[in-house]
N, C-alpha and C. Protein backbone atom coordinates (compact mmCIF):
# COMPACT_ATOMS: atom_id res chain seq x y z
N MET A 1 0.83 -1.25 -0.11
CA MET A 1 0.00 -0.05 -0.04
C MET A 1 0.89 1.25 -0.10
N GLY A 2 0.70 2.16 -0.87
CA GLY A 2 1.46 3.29 -0.95
C GLY A 2 1.46 4.26 0.14
N LYS A 3 2.37 5.07 0.37
CA LYS A 3 2.55 5.88 1.43
C LYS A 3 1.75 7.36 1.10
N ILE A 4 0.86 7.77 1.93
CA ILE A 4 0.02 8.99 1.66
C ILE A 4 0.76 10.13 2.25
N GLU A 5 1.20 11.12 1.50
CA GLU A 5 1.91 12.29 1.89
C GLU A 5 0.75 13.48 1.88
N ILE A 6 0.81 14.35 2.92
CA ILE A 6 -0.04 15.44 3.07
C ILE A 6 0.75 16.62 3.31
N GLY A 7 0.89 17.59 2.40
CA GLY A 7 1.81 18.71 2.61
C GLY A 7 1.10 19.61 3.66
N VAL A 8 2.22 20.57 4.16
CA VAL A 8 1.79 21.61 5.20
C VAL A 8 0.76 22.40 4.59
N GLY A 9 1.01 22.85 3.43
CA GLY A 9 -0.19 23.82 2.94
C GLY A 9 -1.49 23.22 2.95
N THR A 10 -1.57 21.89 2.71
CA THR A 10 -2.92 21.25 2.67
C THR A 10 -3.54 21.30 4.05
N LEU A 11 -2.50 20.91 5.06
CA LEU A 11 -2.95 21.03 6.53
C LEU A 11 -3.52 22.39 6.95
N VAL A 12 -2.66 23.41 6.50
CA VAL A 12 -3.02 24.82 6.95
C VAL A 12 -4.40 25.18 6.32
N ALA A 13 -4.58 24.90 5.04
CA ALA A 13 -5.78 25.26 4.40
C ALA A 13 -7.08 24.40 4.95
N THR A 14 -6.91 23.19 5.38
CA THR A 14 -7.96 22.51 6.03
C THR A 14 -8.23 22.97 7.44
N ASN A 15 -7.20 23.44 8.14
CA ASN A 15 -7.45 24.11 9.47
C ASN A 15 -8.19 25.46 9.31
N GLU A 16 -7.89 26.09 8.29
CA GLU A 16 -8.53 27.44 8.08
C GLU A 16 -9.97 27.23 7.68
N ARG A 17 -10.24 26.26 6.87
CA ARG A 17 -11.54 25.94 6.50
C ARG A 17 -12.59 25.52 7.80
N ILE A 18 -11.85 24.69 8.65
CA ILE A 18 -12.53 24.24 9.83
C ILE A 18 -12.88 25.52 10.72
N ASP A 19 -11.81 26.28 11.03
CA ASP A 19 -12.00 27.52 11.80
C ASP A 19 -13.11 28.37 11.26
N GLY A 20 -13.21 28.55 9.78
CA GLY A 20 -14.15 29.32 9.22
C GLY A 20 -15.56 28.83 9.51
N ALA A 21 -15.70 27.52 9.48
CA ALA A 21 -16.95 26.88 9.62
C ALA A 21 -17.41 26.78 11.17
N VAL A 22 -16.44 26.88 12.12
CA VAL A 22 -16.72 26.59 13.52
C VAL A 22 -16.91 28.11 14.17
N ASN A 23 -15.98 28.83 13.88
CA ASN A 23 -15.88 30.31 14.52
C ASN A 23 -17.29 30.88 14.81
N PRO A 24 -17.91 31.02 13.68
CA PRO A 24 -19.36 31.84 13.73
C PRO A 24 -19.99 31.18 14.97
N SER A 25 -20.36 29.87 15.04
CA SER A 25 -21.16 29.15 16.03
C SER A 25 -20.46 29.46 17.36
N ILE A 26 -19.22 29.52 17.53
CA ILE A 26 -18.57 29.82 18.81
C ILE A 26 -18.76 31.20 19.18
N ASP A 27 -18.74 32.27 18.30
CA ASP A 27 -18.99 33.61 18.61
C ASP A 27 -20.38 33.82 19.07
N ARG A 28 -21.29 33.00 18.53
CA ARG A 28 -22.86 33.17 18.94
C ARG A 28 -22.95 32.62 20.25
N LEU A 29 -22.25 31.51 20.68
CA LEU A 29 -22.25 30.98 21.96
C LEU A 29 -21.56 31.81 22.92
N LYS A 30 -20.57 32.65 22.73
CA LYS A 30 -20.09 33.72 23.62
C LYS A 30 -21.01 34.68 23.77
N GLU A 31 -21.70 35.12 22.89
CA GLU A 31 -22.65 36.33 22.99
C GLU A 31 -23.82 35.73 23.82
N TRP A 32 -24.26 34.59 23.60
CA TRP A 32 -25.33 33.95 24.53
C TRP A 32 -24.92 33.94 25.86
N LEU A 33 -23.62 33.52 26.22
CA LEU A 33 -23.30 33.43 27.56
C LEU A 33 -23.27 34.96 28.24
N GLN A 34 -22.66 35.79 27.33
CA GLN A 34 -22.38 37.11 28.11
C GLN A 34 -23.86 37.87 28.32
N GLN A 35 -24.78 37.70 27.28
CA GLN A 35 -25.84 38.42 27.40
C GLN A 35 -27.22 37.82 28.06
N THR A 36 -27.25 36.63 28.24
CA THR A 36 -28.35 35.85 28.73
C THR A 36 -28.14 35.24 30.15
N GLN A 37 -26.91 34.81 30.43
CA GLN A 37 -26.71 33.86 31.72
C GLN A 37 -26.25 34.66 32.76
N PRO A 38 -27.12 34.57 34.00
CA PRO A 38 -26.87 35.40 35.12
C PRO A 38 -25.90 34.95 36.02
N ASN A 39 -25.45 33.61 35.64
CA ASN A 39 -24.30 33.16 36.58
C ASN A 39 -23.44 32.29 35.77
N ILE A 40 -22.12 32.35 35.55
CA ILE A 40 -21.22 31.63 34.94
C ILE A 40 -20.15 31.17 35.83
N HIS A 41 -19.88 29.88 35.71
CA HIS A 41 -18.84 29.13 36.47
C HIS A 41 -17.62 29.06 35.78
N VAL A 42 -16.35 29.44 36.15
CA VAL A 42 -15.13 29.51 35.45
C VAL A 42 -14.09 28.85 36.08
N ASP A 43 -13.20 28.10 35.33
CA ASP A 43 -12.04 27.46 35.99
C ASP A 43 -10.90 27.23 34.81
N GLU A 44 -9.85 26.92 35.23
CA GLU A 44 -8.71 26.53 34.26
C GLU A 44 -7.97 25.55 34.59
N THR A 45 -7.22 24.82 33.93
CA THR A 45 -6.39 23.52 34.17
C THR A 45 -5.24 23.55 33.24
N PRO A 46 -4.00 23.17 33.63
CA PRO A 46 -2.94 22.89 32.77
C PRO A 46 -3.28 21.92 31.59
N TRP A 47 -2.80 21.97 30.43
CA TRP A 47 -3.20 20.92 29.40
C TRP A 47 -1.87 20.86 28.60
N LEU A 48 -1.19 19.75 28.45
CA LEU A 48 -0.08 19.59 27.80
C LEU A 48 -0.49 19.27 26.33
N VAL A 49 0.17 20.03 25.38
CA VAL A 49 -0.04 19.67 23.84
C VAL A 49 1.42 19.54 23.28
N GLN A 50 1.57 18.19 23.02
CA GLN A 50 2.93 17.76 22.47
C GLN A 50 3.94 18.33 23.29
N GLY A 51 3.89 18.22 24.68
CA GLY A 51 4.81 18.37 25.58
C GLY A 51 4.86 19.82 25.91
N ILE A 52 3.89 20.66 25.33
CA ILE A 52 4.14 22.18 25.85
C ILE A 52 2.97 22.41 26.69
N LYS A 53 3.02 23.26 27.73
CA LYS A 53 2.16 23.59 28.64
C LYS A 53 1.23 24.59 28.14
N GLU A 54 -0.07 24.25 27.90
CA GLU A 54 -1.11 25.08 27.42
C GLU A 54 -2.23 25.24 28.64
N TRP A 55 -3.34 26.00 28.37
CA TRP A 55 -4.38 25.97 29.48
C TRP A 55 -5.78 25.66 28.97
N LEU A 56 -6.42 24.98 29.41
CA LEU A 56 -7.79 24.66 29.07
C LEU A 56 -8.83 25.37 30.15
N TRP A 57 -9.60 26.25 29.61
CA TRP A 57 -10.52 27.00 30.49
C TRP A 57 -11.91 26.33 30.04
N ILE A 58 -12.90 26.51 31.10
CA ILE A 58 -14.20 26.10 31.00
C ILE A 58 -15.04 27.25 31.49
N PHE A 59 -16.19 27.39 30.71
CA PHE A 59 -17.16 28.55 31.15
C PHE A 59 -18.52 27.78 31.15
N ALA A 60 -18.94 27.42 32.31
CA ALA A 60 -20.20 26.53 32.46
C ALA A 60 -21.26 27.11 33.18
N ILE A 61 -22.39 26.54 32.78
CA ILE A 61 -23.77 26.75 33.52
C ILE A 61 -24.26 25.37 33.68
N THR A 62 -25.45 25.18 34.25
CA THR A 62 -25.89 23.89 34.78
C THR A 62 -25.89 22.84 33.49
N ASP A 63 -26.26 23.26 32.27
CA ASP A 63 -26.41 22.16 31.37
C ASP A 63 -25.68 22.58 30.12
N PHE A 64 -24.43 23.30 30.33
CA PHE A 64 -23.80 23.76 29.01
C PHE A 64 -22.43 24.18 29.58
N GLY A 65 -21.44 23.73 28.76
CA GLY A 65 -20.11 24.28 28.95
C GLY A 65 -19.32 24.74 27.74
N LEU A 66 -18.57 25.71 27.79
CA LEU A 66 -17.82 26.17 26.57
C LEU A 66 -16.38 26.04 26.91
N PHE A 67 -15.68 25.27 26.32
CA PHE A 67 -14.21 25.05 26.67
C PHE A 67 -13.48 26.15 25.91
N HIS A 68 -12.25 26.50 26.23
CA HIS A 68 -11.49 27.46 25.52
C HIS A 68 -9.98 27.08 25.86
N ALA A 69 -9.29 26.75 24.65
CA ALA A 69 -7.97 26.41 24.78
C ALA A 69 -7.05 27.66 24.67
N ALA A 70 -5.95 27.90 25.44
CA ALA A 70 -5.43 29.04 25.52
C ALA A 70 -3.91 28.89 25.80
N ASP A 71 -3.00 29.86 25.29
CA ASP A 71 -1.73 29.92 25.61
C ASP A 71 -1.43 30.26 27.08
N THR A 72 -2.22 31.10 27.61
CA THR A 72 -2.06 31.64 28.92
C THR A 72 -3.15 31.17 29.97
N ARG A 73 -2.85 31.84 31.14
CA ARG A 73 -3.74 31.76 32.21
C ARG A 73 -4.11 33.13 32.92
N SER A 74 -4.22 34.03 31.99
CA SER A 74 -4.32 35.38 32.19
C SER A 74 -5.74 36.00 32.14
N ARG A 75 -5.80 37.10 32.55
CA ARG A 75 -7.20 37.84 32.46
C ARG A 75 -7.63 37.93 31.09
N ALA A 76 -6.59 38.02 29.92
CA ALA A 76 -6.94 38.18 28.55
C ALA A 76 -7.94 37.10 28.00
N GLU A 77 -7.87 35.90 28.91
CA GLU A 77 -8.83 34.59 28.31
C GLU A 77 -10.32 35.00 28.77
N LEU A 78 -10.45 35.66 30.02
CA LEU A 78 -11.71 36.05 30.29
C LEU A 78 -12.21 37.05 29.27
N ASP A 79 -11.41 38.06 28.94
CA ASP A 79 -11.83 39.04 28.03
C ASP A 79 -12.31 38.48 26.45
N ALA A 80 -11.38 37.25 26.29
CA ALA A 80 -11.60 36.65 25.06
C ALA A 80 -13.12 36.05 24.90
N ILE A 81 -13.44 35.48 25.99
CA ILE A 81 -14.75 34.83 26.01
C ILE A 81 -15.97 35.75 26.54
N LEU A 82 -15.78 36.27 27.62
CA LEU A 82 -16.88 37.20 28.15
C LEU A 82 -16.81 38.68 27.78
N GLY A 83 -15.79 39.03 27.23
CA GLY A 83 -15.73 40.53 26.95
C GLY A 83 -14.83 41.15 27.98
N SER A 84 -14.90 42.65 27.84
CA SER A 84 -14.06 43.30 28.92
C SER A 84 -14.85 43.40 30.22
N SER A 85 -16.26 43.02 30.15
CA SER A 85 -17.07 43.03 31.62
C SER A 85 -18.12 42.06 31.23
N TYR A 86 -18.53 41.63 32.41
CA TYR A 86 -19.90 40.69 32.42
C TYR A 86 -20.81 41.14 33.26
N GLU A 87 -22.15 41.17 32.75
CA GLU A 87 -23.17 41.85 33.85
C GLU A 87 -23.94 40.53 34.62
N GLY A 88 -23.03 39.81 35.07
CA GLY A 88 -23.61 38.68 35.89
C GLY A 88 -22.79 38.32 37.02
N VAL A 89 -22.99 37.23 37.69
CA VAL A 89 -22.31 36.76 38.75
C VAL A 89 -21.26 35.63 38.34
N LEU A 90 -20.03 35.97 38.56
CA LEU A 90 -19.01 35.08 38.19
C LEU A 90 -18.57 34.21 39.37
N SER A 91 -18.59 32.79 39.10
CA SER A 91 -18.28 31.85 40.22
C SER A 91 -16.96 31.31 39.88
N SER A 92 -15.95 31.31 40.72
CA SER A 92 -14.43 30.95 40.42
C SER A 92 -13.74 30.64 41.72
N ASP A 93 -12.62 30.16 41.61
CA ASP A 93 -11.67 30.19 42.73
C ASP A 93 -11.11 31.63 43.03
N ASP A 94 -10.18 31.66 43.83
CA ASP A 94 -9.58 32.97 44.08
C ASP A 94 -8.15 33.32 43.56
N TYR A 95 -8.08 32.69 42.19
CA TYR A 95 -7.02 32.96 41.42
C TYR A 95 -6.96 34.40 40.98
N SER A 96 -5.85 34.89 40.93
CA SER A 96 -5.59 36.47 40.83
C SER A 96 -6.14 37.08 39.58
N ALA A 97 -6.12 36.03 38.44
CA ALA A 97 -6.78 36.60 37.08
C ALA A 97 -8.30 36.92 37.38
N TYR A 98 -8.99 36.47 38.21
CA TYR A 98 -10.24 36.85 38.44
C TYR A 98 -10.51 38.14 39.25
N ASN A 99 -9.58 38.58 40.07
CA ASN A 99 -9.63 39.72 40.92
C ASN A 99 -9.58 40.97 39.90
N GLY A 100 -10.54 41.80 40.14
CA GLY A 100 -10.44 43.20 39.47
C GLY A 100 -11.30 43.07 38.17
N TYR A 101 -11.64 41.76 37.67
CA TYR A 101 -12.38 41.72 36.54
C TYR A 101 -13.82 42.37 36.73
N ARG A 102 -14.22 43.16 35.68
CA ARG A 102 -15.43 43.94 35.86
C ARG A 102 -16.70 43.09 35.69
N VAL A 103 -17.46 42.79 36.72
CA VAL A 103 -18.56 41.91 36.77
C VAL A 103 -19.69 42.60 37.83
N LYS A 104 -20.96 42.11 37.62
CA LYS A 104 -21.85 42.53 38.53
C LYS A 104 -21.47 42.20 40.04
N ALA A 105 -21.06 40.91 40.17
CA ALA A 105 -20.54 40.43 41.41
C ALA A 105 -19.81 39.02 41.08
N GLN A 106 -19.07 38.73 42.17
CA GLN A 106 -18.38 37.32 42.27
C GLN A 106 -18.73 36.52 43.38
N GLN A 107 -18.75 35.33 43.35
CA GLN A 107 -18.64 34.39 44.33
C GLN A 107 -17.59 33.47 44.14
N LYS A 108 -16.66 33.65 45.28
CA LYS A 108 -15.39 32.85 45.27
C LYS A 108 -15.88 31.44 45.92
N CYS A 109 -15.16 30.30 45.68
CA CYS A 109 -15.43 29.12 46.12
C CYS A 109 -14.86 28.77 47.42
N LEU A 110 -15.99 28.51 48.44
CA LEU A 110 -15.67 28.43 49.79
C LEU A 110 -14.94 27.16 49.97
N ALA A 111 -14.79 26.16 49.18
CA ALA A 111 -13.92 24.84 49.25
C ALA A 111 -12.46 25.47 49.26
N HIS A 112 -12.30 26.52 48.35
CA HIS A 112 -10.92 26.98 48.26
C HIS A 112 -10.49 27.65 49.42
N LEU A 113 -11.52 28.35 50.07
CA LEU A 113 -11.27 29.05 51.38
C LEU A 113 -10.96 28.14 52.47
N ARG A 114 -11.59 27.04 52.50
CA ARG A 114 -11.40 26.00 53.39
C ARG A 114 -9.97 25.41 53.21
N ARG A 115 -9.60 25.34 52.01
CA ARG A 115 -8.26 24.69 51.79
C ARG A 115 -7.10 25.47 52.15
N HIS A 116 -7.22 27.01 51.98
CA HIS A 116 -6.37 27.96 52.56
C HIS A 116 -6.21 27.87 54.22
N PHE A 117 -7.19 27.68 54.92
CA PHE A 117 -7.18 27.53 56.18
C PHE A 117 -6.56 26.16 56.71
N LYS A 118 -6.82 25.00 55.94
CA LYS A 118 -6.34 23.84 56.21
C LYS A 118 -4.74 23.79 56.01
N LYS A 119 -4.36 24.67 55.01
CA LYS A 119 -2.75 24.92 54.99
C LYS A 119 -2.22 25.66 55.96
N LEU A 120 -3.13 26.61 56.47
CA LEU A 120 -2.72 27.53 57.57
C LEU A 120 -2.38 26.61 58.82
N ILE A 121 -3.16 25.48 58.95
CA ILE A 121 -3.11 24.76 60.40
C ILE A 121 -1.63 24.21 60.35
N LYS A 122 -1.09 23.84 59.08
CA LYS A 122 0.23 22.97 59.20
C LYS A 122 1.23 23.97 59.16
N LEU A 123 1.05 25.37 59.21
CA LEU A 123 2.10 26.17 59.24
C LEU A 123 2.54 26.52 60.57
N PRO A 124 3.76 26.53 61.00
CA PRO A 124 4.21 27.12 62.30
C PRO A 124 3.85 28.66 62.30
N GLY A 125 3.28 29.07 63.52
CA GLY A 125 3.00 30.31 63.69
C GLY A 125 2.11 30.61 64.77
N LEU A 126 2.03 31.95 65.21
CA LEU A 126 1.05 32.33 66.38
C LEU A 126 -0.30 31.86 66.01
N ASN A 127 -0.90 31.00 66.93
CA ASN A 127 -2.22 30.68 66.84
C ASN A 127 -2.83 30.13 65.47
N ASN A 128 -1.81 29.56 64.53
CA ASN A 128 -2.36 29.34 63.21
C ASN A 128 -3.36 27.99 63.47
N GLN A 129 -3.10 27.04 64.35
CA GLN A 129 -3.94 25.87 64.40
C GLN A 129 -5.26 26.30 64.85
N GLU A 130 -5.42 27.18 65.93
CA GLU A 130 -6.71 27.65 66.47
C GLU A 130 -7.45 28.42 65.30
N ILE A 131 -6.79 29.35 64.63
CA ILE A 131 -7.44 30.14 63.76
C ILE A 131 -8.03 29.31 62.52
N GLY A 132 -7.15 28.45 61.99
CA GLY A 132 -7.53 27.62 60.76
C GLY A 132 -8.72 26.81 61.21
N ALA A 133 -8.62 26.12 62.56
CA ALA A 133 -9.66 25.11 62.77
C ALA A 133 -11.07 26.02 63.02
N PHE A 134 -11.05 27.20 63.56
CA PHE A 134 -12.28 28.05 63.68
C PHE A 134 -12.94 28.51 62.38
N PHE A 135 -12.11 28.92 61.44
CA PHE A 135 -12.69 29.35 60.26
C PHE A 135 -13.01 28.16 59.29
N ILE A 136 -12.24 27.02 59.45
CA ILE A 136 -12.86 25.92 58.77
C ILE A 136 -14.22 25.51 59.25
N SER A 137 -14.47 25.70 60.66
CA SER A 137 -15.89 25.38 61.18
C SER A 137 -16.77 26.31 60.61
N LEU A 138 -16.35 27.53 60.27
CA LEU A 138 -17.23 28.46 59.65
C LEU A 138 -17.77 28.11 58.36
N VAL A 139 -16.70 27.61 57.60
CA VAL A 139 -16.99 27.14 56.15
C VAL A 139 -18.07 25.96 56.19
N TYR A 140 -17.63 25.13 57.11
CA TYR A 140 -18.62 23.99 57.25
C TYR A 140 -20.09 24.26 57.53
N GLU A 141 -20.17 25.20 58.48
CA GLU A 141 -21.38 25.84 58.83
C GLU A 141 -22.20 26.37 57.61
N ALA A 142 -21.52 27.03 56.76
CA ALA A 142 -22.06 27.80 55.69
C ALA A 142 -22.44 26.66 54.76
N PHE A 143 -21.70 25.65 54.32
CA PHE A 143 -21.96 24.61 53.47
C PHE A 143 -23.27 23.89 54.03
N LYS A 144 -23.43 23.60 55.37
CA LYS A 144 -24.47 22.84 55.76
C LYS A 144 -25.85 23.49 55.75
N ASN A 145 -25.71 24.96 56.16
CA ASN A 145 -27.07 25.63 55.96
C ASN A 145 -27.48 25.93 54.64
N TYR A 146 -26.52 26.14 53.67
CA TYR A 146 -26.95 26.12 52.20
C TYR A 146 -27.53 25.05 51.83
N ALA A 147 -26.89 23.88 52.15
CA ALA A 147 -27.61 22.55 51.59
C ALA A 147 -29.01 22.26 52.37
N LEU A 148 -29.03 22.69 53.59
CA LEU A 148 -30.37 22.62 54.16
C LEU A 148 -31.51 23.52 53.36
N PHE A 149 -31.01 24.70 52.88
CA PHE A 149 -31.81 25.52 52.24
C PHE A 149 -32.19 24.96 50.99
N GLN A 150 -31.34 24.28 50.27
CA GLN A 150 -31.69 23.70 48.95
C GLN A 150 -32.60 22.53 49.20
N GLN A 151 -32.64 21.87 50.48
CA GLN A 151 -33.69 20.89 50.54
C GLN A 151 -34.98 21.43 50.89
N ASN A 152 -35.07 22.40 51.79
CA ASN A 152 -36.40 22.89 52.17
C ASN A 152 -36.87 24.11 51.52
N GLN A 153 -35.94 24.84 50.93
CA GLN A 153 -36.46 26.25 50.33
C GLN A 153 -37.04 27.18 51.12
N ASN A 154 -36.73 27.13 52.31
CA ASN A 154 -37.34 27.99 53.51
C ASN A 154 -36.39 29.29 53.56
N SER A 155 -36.76 30.25 52.72
CA SER A 155 -36.05 31.56 52.58
C SER A 155 -36.05 32.15 53.94
N ASP A 156 -37.17 32.28 54.71
CA ASP A 156 -37.05 33.00 56.00
C ASP A 156 -36.07 32.36 56.78
N GLU A 157 -36.10 31.10 56.98
CA GLU A 157 -35.19 30.49 57.96
C GLU A 157 -33.65 30.60 57.44
N PHE A 158 -33.49 30.70 56.18
CA PHE A 158 -32.06 30.86 55.77
C PHE A 158 -31.66 32.23 55.99
N LEU A 159 -32.41 33.22 55.63
CA LEU A 159 -32.06 34.61 55.81
C LEU A 159 -31.88 34.89 57.30
N SER A 160 -32.66 34.31 58.10
CA SER A 160 -32.49 34.62 59.53
C SER A 160 -31.24 33.95 60.06
N TRP A 161 -30.72 32.75 59.41
CA TRP A 161 -29.33 32.32 59.74
C TRP A 161 -28.31 33.19 59.34
N THR A 162 -28.45 33.68 58.05
CA THR A 162 -27.42 34.36 57.46
C THR A 162 -27.09 35.79 58.23
N SER A 163 -28.21 36.43 58.65
CA SER A 163 -27.97 37.73 59.47
C SER A 163 -26.99 37.31 60.90
N GLY A 164 -27.31 36.36 61.40
CA GLY A 164 -26.28 35.87 62.53
C GLY A 164 -25.03 35.61 62.15
N PHE A 165 -24.94 34.81 61.07
CA PHE A 165 -23.68 34.23 60.36
C PHE A 165 -22.77 35.54 60.02
N LYS A 166 -23.23 36.33 59.40
CA LYS A 166 -22.45 37.44 58.87
C LYS A 166 -21.81 38.22 60.00
N LEU A 167 -22.60 38.37 61.06
CA LEU A 167 -22.04 39.08 62.36
C LEU A 167 -21.08 38.29 62.83
N LYS A 168 -21.16 36.92 62.93
CA LYS A 168 -20.14 36.20 63.46
C LYS A 168 -18.82 36.05 62.82
N VAL A 169 -19.00 36.15 61.44
CA VAL A 169 -17.80 36.27 60.59
C VAL A 169 -16.97 37.50 60.90
N GLU A 170 -17.66 38.62 60.84
CA GLU A 170 -17.17 39.88 60.88
C GLU A 170 -16.43 40.06 62.29
N THR A 171 -17.12 39.71 63.37
CA THR A 171 -16.56 39.77 64.74
C THR A 171 -15.47 38.98 64.93
N SER A 172 -15.45 37.56 64.25
CA SER A 172 -14.33 36.58 64.42
C SER A 172 -13.17 37.22 63.66
N ILE A 173 -13.33 37.68 62.52
CA ILE A 173 -11.98 38.11 61.71
C ILE A 173 -11.28 39.27 62.66
N HIS A 174 -12.06 40.14 63.10
CA HIS A 174 -11.54 41.33 64.15
C HIS A 174 -10.94 40.77 65.37
N SER A 175 -11.51 39.69 65.94
CA SER A 175 -10.99 39.17 67.17
C SER A 175 -9.77 38.41 66.95
N TRP A 176 -9.72 37.60 65.72
CA TRP A 176 -8.69 36.68 65.68
C TRP A 176 -7.38 37.61 65.10
N MET A 177 -7.74 38.65 64.49
CA MET A 177 -6.79 39.47 63.77
C MET A 177 -5.61 39.91 64.85
N GLU A 178 -6.18 40.21 66.07
CA GLU A 178 -5.18 40.89 67.04
C GLU A 178 -4.29 39.53 67.62
N GLN A 179 -4.76 38.30 67.36
CA GLN A 179 -4.02 37.11 67.80
C GLN A 179 -3.18 36.52 66.71
N ALA A 180 -3.11 37.09 65.56
CA ALA A 180 -2.72 36.34 64.35
C ALA A 180 -1.20 36.60 64.10
N GLY A 181 -0.51 35.72 63.42
CA GLY A 181 0.88 35.91 62.98
C GLY A 181 0.81 36.39 61.67
N GLY A 182 1.93 36.30 60.93
CA GLY A 182 2.09 36.89 59.51
C GLY A 182 1.05 36.21 58.53
N GLU A 183 1.16 34.89 58.26
CA GLU A 183 0.45 34.19 57.41
C GLU A 183 -1.09 34.35 57.76
N ALA A 184 -1.41 34.00 58.90
CA ALA A 184 -2.79 34.25 59.38
C ALA A 184 -3.52 35.64 59.15
N GLY A 185 -2.65 36.48 59.68
CA GLY A 185 -3.04 37.88 59.45
C GLY A 185 -3.24 38.34 57.86
N LYS A 186 -2.38 37.84 57.26
CA LYS A 186 -2.54 37.96 55.70
C LYS A 186 -3.90 37.43 55.23
N LEU A 187 -4.11 36.15 55.60
CA LEU A 187 -5.36 35.46 55.09
C LEU A 187 -6.53 36.11 55.70
N LEU A 188 -6.64 36.61 57.01
CA LEU A 188 -7.80 37.26 57.57
C LEU A 188 -8.09 38.65 56.99
N ARG A 189 -7.05 39.42 56.60
CA ARG A 189 -7.06 40.80 56.06
C ARG A 189 -7.77 40.28 54.40
N SER A 190 -7.29 39.48 53.84
CA SER A 190 -7.93 39.08 52.45
C SER A 190 -9.42 38.66 52.61
N LEU A 191 -9.64 37.89 53.59
CA LEU A 191 -11.10 37.46 53.91
C LEU A 191 -11.86 38.62 54.06
N HIS A 192 -11.42 39.70 54.85
CA HIS A 192 -12.15 40.84 55.27
C HIS A 192 -12.49 41.71 53.95
N LYS A 193 -11.33 41.92 53.19
CA LYS A 193 -11.37 42.64 52.11
C LYS A 193 -12.32 42.14 50.86
N LYS A 194 -12.31 40.90 50.77
CA LYS A 194 -13.13 40.24 49.71
C LYS A 194 -14.39 39.47 50.31
N SER A 195 -14.91 40.11 51.47
CA SER A 195 -16.01 39.37 52.02
C SER A 195 -17.28 39.34 51.17
N HIS A 196 -17.40 40.38 50.46
CA HIS A 196 -18.56 40.52 49.46
C HIS A 196 -18.53 39.44 48.37
N GLN A 197 -17.34 38.95 48.29
CA GLN A 197 -17.18 37.79 47.17
C GLN A 197 -17.16 36.51 47.74
N TRP A 198 -16.56 36.23 48.90
CA TRP A 198 -16.62 35.03 49.58
C TRP A 198 -18.12 34.60 50.11
N TRP A 199 -18.91 35.66 50.49
CA TRP A 199 -20.23 35.43 51.02
C TRP A 199 -21.31 36.05 50.39
N TYR A 200 -20.96 36.10 49.05
CA TYR A 200 -22.12 36.71 48.21
C TYR A 200 -23.47 35.87 48.24
N PHE A 201 -23.27 34.52 48.31
CA PHE A 201 -24.55 33.77 48.32
C PHE A 201 -25.40 34.10 49.67
N LEU A 202 -24.88 34.55 50.79
CA LEU A 202 -25.69 34.64 51.95
C LEU A 202 -26.88 35.59 51.71
N ASP A 203 -26.69 36.57 50.80
CA ASP A 203 -27.78 37.36 50.33
C ASP A 203 -28.45 36.98 49.04
N HIS A 204 -27.80 36.16 48.36
CA HIS A 204 -28.35 35.71 47.09
C HIS A 204 -28.32 33.96 46.89
N PRO A 205 -29.12 33.30 47.70
CA PRO A 205 -28.92 31.95 47.83
C PRO A 205 -29.33 31.21 46.46
N GLU A 206 -29.62 31.77 45.36
CA GLU A 206 -29.67 31.40 44.09
C GLU A 206 -28.29 31.02 43.65
N ILE A 207 -27.30 31.54 44.16
CA ILE A 207 -25.94 31.39 43.65
C ILE A 207 -25.23 30.47 44.58
N PRO A 208 -24.78 29.29 44.23
CA PRO A 208 -23.94 28.40 45.02
C PRO A 208 -22.78 28.97 45.57
N PRO A 209 -22.27 28.45 46.71
CA PRO A 209 -21.19 28.92 47.43
C PRO A 209 -19.90 28.21 46.93
N ASP A 210 -19.95 27.53 45.85
CA ASP A 210 -18.59 26.78 45.47
C ASP A 210 -18.55 27.00 43.99
N ASN A 211 -17.43 26.29 43.35
CA ASN A 211 -17.30 26.31 41.91
C ASN A 211 -17.05 24.78 41.46
N HIS A 212 -17.95 24.12 42.11
CA HIS A 212 -17.78 22.73 41.73
C HIS A 212 -18.20 22.30 40.32
N LEU A 213 -19.19 23.09 39.85
CA LEU A 213 -19.71 22.84 38.39
C LEU A 213 -18.56 22.89 37.33
N ALA A 214 -17.82 24.06 37.44
CA ALA A 214 -16.73 24.22 36.50
C ALA A 214 -15.64 23.28 36.69
N GLU A 215 -15.36 22.89 38.19
CA GLU A 215 -14.23 21.86 38.39
C GLU A 215 -14.55 20.48 37.89
N ARG A 216 -15.77 19.97 38.17
CA ARG A 216 -16.32 18.62 37.66
C ARG A 216 -16.06 18.59 36.11
N THR A 217 -16.55 19.67 35.50
CA THR A 217 -16.39 19.57 34.07
C THR A 217 -15.03 19.35 33.59
N LEU A 218 -14.13 20.26 34.16
CA LEU A 218 -12.65 20.03 33.67
C LEU A 218 -12.19 18.65 34.11
N ARG A 219 -12.48 18.21 35.33
CA ARG A 219 -12.03 16.92 35.75
C ARG A 219 -12.56 15.82 34.79
N GLU A 220 -13.80 15.86 34.23
CA GLU A 220 -14.30 14.85 33.29
C GLU A 220 -13.34 14.97 31.91
N SER A 221 -13.08 16.28 31.64
CA SER A 221 -12.29 16.34 30.29
C SER A 221 -11.00 15.82 30.55
N ARG A 222 -10.27 15.96 31.68
CA ARG A 222 -8.98 15.45 31.76
C ARG A 222 -9.11 13.76 32.03
N ASN A 223 -10.03 13.33 32.64
CA ASN A 223 -10.23 11.82 32.63
C ASN A 223 -10.52 11.34 31.22
N LYS A 224 -11.20 11.98 30.40
CA LYS A 224 -11.35 11.40 29.04
C LYS A 224 -10.02 11.49 28.19
N LYS A 225 -9.20 12.54 28.48
CA LYS A 225 -7.88 12.52 27.83
C LYS A 225 -7.09 11.60 28.17
N LYS A 226 -7.04 11.01 29.38
CA LYS A 226 -6.13 9.92 29.93
C LYS A 226 -6.70 8.60 29.17
N SER A 227 -7.98 8.39 29.14
CA SER A 227 -8.68 7.15 28.72
C SER A 227 -8.29 6.92 27.29
């Protein structure tokens, strides 16, 4: 059987035809996300392409996900998909690319906040173990009460809990700040500064307090790549 040779020019022309056919649909999906979706979950993961580190981004809602392959992990990729601003709630982890992006609001993933305090517990320092354990308990309380609200849909009960919980968080940060070392103090100051992002769901329970939707979608893509 003879050897089939395909020239570079043929491959380039084929890729250009594919791009030309696909890109209009992708552009319409971007516009649909930007203009109609009140809450988008975003995440990114390293993605090796022929040994070169690239990034795979996911922009997900409950029944839809738009993947975006990129050279970078920068805010430019947010601009490429959502534009320079997004008039909805962006759910994400607390990676720096999401900070300062122009949105209506953000909900940072509480699972990542819990992870930060778990790391704090393992660090030597003034009251790190006590501070870490206390704020981990607050995160667990938040998840527990949000799950309860999802089950019974009792808004009055949920909002009654949130009023007390927000006060507990605020007073606890100020109280522990006086007893915190360097790393703990840095974490508590960040938690105070971004409280409107970590706890957005307390006033808007239609928004989940995590970014599991995007994370699960990326995990499935990585598993399929391995299989």
